[in-house]
Protein backbone atom coordinates (compact mmCIF):
# COMPACT_ATOMS: atom_id res chain seq x y z
CA MET A 1 45.59 -22.50 -2.91
CA ASN A 2 46.68 -18.94 -2.28
CA THR A 3 44.81 -15.75 -3.14
CA GLY A 4 46.91 -15.13 -6.27
CA GLN A 5 46.11 -18.56 -7.72
CA LEU A 6 42.43 -18.16 -6.91
CA GLY A 7 42.32 -14.73 -8.57
CA GLY A 8 44.20 -16.02 -11.64
CA SER A 9 41.87 -19.01 -11.97
CA LEU A 10 38.79 -16.80 -11.67
CA ALA A 11 40.17 -14.40 -14.30
CA ALA A 12 40.87 -17.30 -16.69
CA ILE A 13 37.33 -18.63 -16.26
CA LEU A 14 35.86 -15.19 -16.97
CA VAL A 15 38.04 -14.81 -20.08
CA LEU A 16 36.89 -18.22 -21.42
CA ALA A 17 33.25 -17.43 -20.64
CA GLY A 18 33.58 -14.11 -22.45
CA LEU A 19 35.17 -15.79 -25.45
CA ALA A 20 32.35 -18.38 -25.60
CA TRP A 21 29.78 -15.57 -25.41
CA ALA A 22 31.53 -13.58 -28.17
CA LEU A 23 31.59 -16.66 -30.42
CA LYS A 24 27.90 -17.32 -29.65
CA LEU A 25 28.69 -20.82 -28.42
CA GLY A 26 26.08 -22.67 -26.39
CA ARG A 27 23.20 -20.46 -27.45
CA GLY A 28 19.93 -21.89 -28.60
CA THR A 29 20.07 -21.49 -32.37
CA ILE A 30 16.83 -20.80 -34.19
CA ILE A 31 15.82 -20.31 -37.80
CA ALA A 32 14.63 -16.71 -37.66
CA ASP A 33 12.49 -16.36 -40.78
CA ARG A 34 11.58 -17.79 -44.18
CA ALA A 35 14.38 -15.95 -45.96
CA GLU A 36 16.96 -17.46 -43.61
CA ALA A 37 15.48 -20.94 -44.05
CA MET A 38 15.69 -20.61 -47.83
CA MET A 39 19.29 -19.34 -47.65
CA LEU A 40 20.34 -22.14 -45.27
CA ALA A 41 18.82 -24.78 -47.55
CA GLU A 42 20.53 -23.35 -50.64
CA ASP A 43 23.86 -23.13 -48.82
CA ALA A 44 23.69 -26.66 -47.42
CA LEU A 45 22.30 -28.56 -50.42
CA SER A 46 24.20 -28.46 -53.69
CA GLY A 47 22.08 -27.23 -56.58
CA PHE A 48 19.03 -26.53 -54.42
CA ALA A 49 17.07 -23.43 -55.48
CA ALA A 50 14.53 -22.44 -52.84
CA ASP A 51 11.04 -21.29 -53.76
CA ARG A 52 8.94 -21.29 -50.54
CA ALA A 53 9.59 -21.99 -46.86
CA TRP A 54 7.68 -22.75 -43.67
CA ILE A 55 9.15 -22.48 -40.20
CA SER A 56 8.03 -24.06 -36.97
CA ARG A 57 6.77 -21.47 -34.49
CA GLU A 58 9.73 -22.02 -32.15
CA GLY A 59 12.24 -21.80 -35.05
CA ARG A 60 13.77 -25.25 -34.49
CA ALA A 61 12.66 -26.74 -37.85
CA ALA A 62 11.82 -25.58 -41.35
CA VAL A 63 10.67 -27.07 -44.64
CA VAL A 64 11.74 -25.49 -47.91
CA ILE A 65 10.21 -26.38 -51.28
CA GLY A 66 12.58 -25.95 -54.20
CA ARG A 67 11.79 -24.46 -57.58
CA ASP A 68 11.98 -28.00 -58.96
CA ARG A 69 9.45 -29.12 -56.25
CA SER A 70 12.14 -30.93 -54.26
CA ILE A 71 11.74 -30.87 -50.49
CA ALA A 72 14.42 -29.77 -48.03
CA VAL A 73 14.06 -30.11 -44.26
CA LEU A 74 16.13 -28.12 -41.79
CA CYS A 75 16.42 -29.15 -38.15
CA VAL A 76 18.37 -27.29 -35.51
CA ARG A 77 20.74 -29.71 -33.80
CA GLY A 78 23.39 -28.06 -31.65
CA ALA A 79 24.87 -24.81 -32.93
CA ASN A 80 23.86 -25.16 -36.58
CA PRO A 81 20.83 -26.32 -38.55
CA VAL A 82 21.17 -29.65 -40.36
CA ALA A 83 19.67 -29.86 -43.85
CA ARG A 84 18.40 -32.89 -45.73
CA ARG A 85 16.91 -33.16 -49.21
CA LEU A 86 14.09 -35.68 -49.06
CA THR A 87 12.55 -37.75 -51.83
CA ARG A 88 8.89 -38.58 -51.20
CA PRO A 89 9.02 -38.15 -47.42
CA LEU A 90 6.23 -39.56 -45.27
CA CYS A 91 4.21 -36.74 -43.73
CA ARG A 92 1.29 -36.74 -41.34
CA SER A 93 -0.93 -34.20 -39.68
CA SER A 94 -1.50 -34.07 -35.95
CA GLY A 95 -3.86 -31.24 -35.01
CA ASN A 96 -2.07 -27.97 -35.76
CA SER A 97 1.21 -29.72 -36.57
CA VAL A 98 2.66 -31.51 -39.57
CA VAL A 99 5.32 -34.16 -38.96
CA ILE A 100 7.80 -34.91 -41.75
CA VAL A 101 9.56 -38.24 -41.21
CA ILE A 102 13.27 -38.03 -42.04
CA GLY A 103 14.09 -41.56 -40.96
CA GLU A 104 17.68 -41.15 -39.82
CA ARG A 105 18.90 -42.20 -36.41
CA LEU A 106 19.96 -38.64 -35.55
CA LEU A 107 17.13 -36.88 -37.39
CA ARG A 108 14.01 -38.94 -37.02
CA ALA A 109 11.42 -36.29 -37.86
CA ALA A 110 10.76 -32.57 -38.14
CA THR A 111 7.58 -31.00 -36.81
CA ILE A 112 6.18 -27.77 -38.16
CA ASP A 113 3.58 -26.17 -35.88
CA PHE A 114 0.87 -23.88 -37.22
CA ALA A 115 -1.60 -21.47 -35.64
CA ASP A 116 -4.55 -23.62 -36.70
CA ALA A 117 -5.47 -26.91 -38.35
CA ASP A 118 -6.49 -25.23 -41.63
CA GLU A 119 -2.94 -23.89 -42.10
CA ALA A 120 -1.53 -27.34 -41.35
CA THR A 121 -3.89 -28.95 -43.87
CA ALA A 122 -2.93 -26.43 -46.58
CA PHE A 123 0.76 -27.09 -45.90
CA LEU A 124 0.16 -30.85 -46.11
CA ARG A 125 -1.45 -30.34 -49.54
CA THR A 126 1.60 -28.35 -50.67
CA LEU A 127 3.88 -31.17 -49.55
CA GLU A 128 1.71 -33.70 -51.37
CA ALA A 129 1.91 -31.63 -54.57
CA ALA A 130 5.71 -31.65 -54.17
CA GLY A 131 5.72 -35.45 -54.05
CA ALA A 132 5.47 -36.24 -50.34
CA THR A 133 3.60 -39.34 -49.21
CA ILE A 134 0.77 -38.37 -46.89
CA ASP A 135 -0.19 -40.71 -44.04
CA LYS A 136 -3.98 -40.65 -44.20
CA GLY A 137 -4.31 -42.54 -40.92
CA VAL A 138 -6.13 -41.43 -37.82
CA ASP A 139 -5.18 -38.09 -36.27
CA ARG A 140 -2.56 -38.87 -33.61
CA ALA A 141 -3.12 -35.73 -31.53
CA GLY A 142 -4.77 -37.37 -28.69
């Protein structure tokens, strides 16, 4: 390989890397805030009207309760969040976290982490009021 080919190859690699950066490809996507979670759920699920949202502390999952008390779960998988509307999902508490079972091969569960167990318990009650099934089994934290 001569110097011209090496320089051309390096330039092409830099151009492709710059293009990927400009298109925000390969970045870790997060759900930034409650408003974004509500907007994503409404955009992804036909007829869904968001009322309240909770986001995991790292921004990789969110749960949105609709005005009709339906439950939407958002999980970040790859470049974009994936949304599912769930009917009576199974939920369980584990310390400061609440796990919502989705049950698909690709999306098994979403975990929402809270600052303390009281917040997690209050969220679990909200899910129960929206029709979720609550696993009352033993705390699986440890």
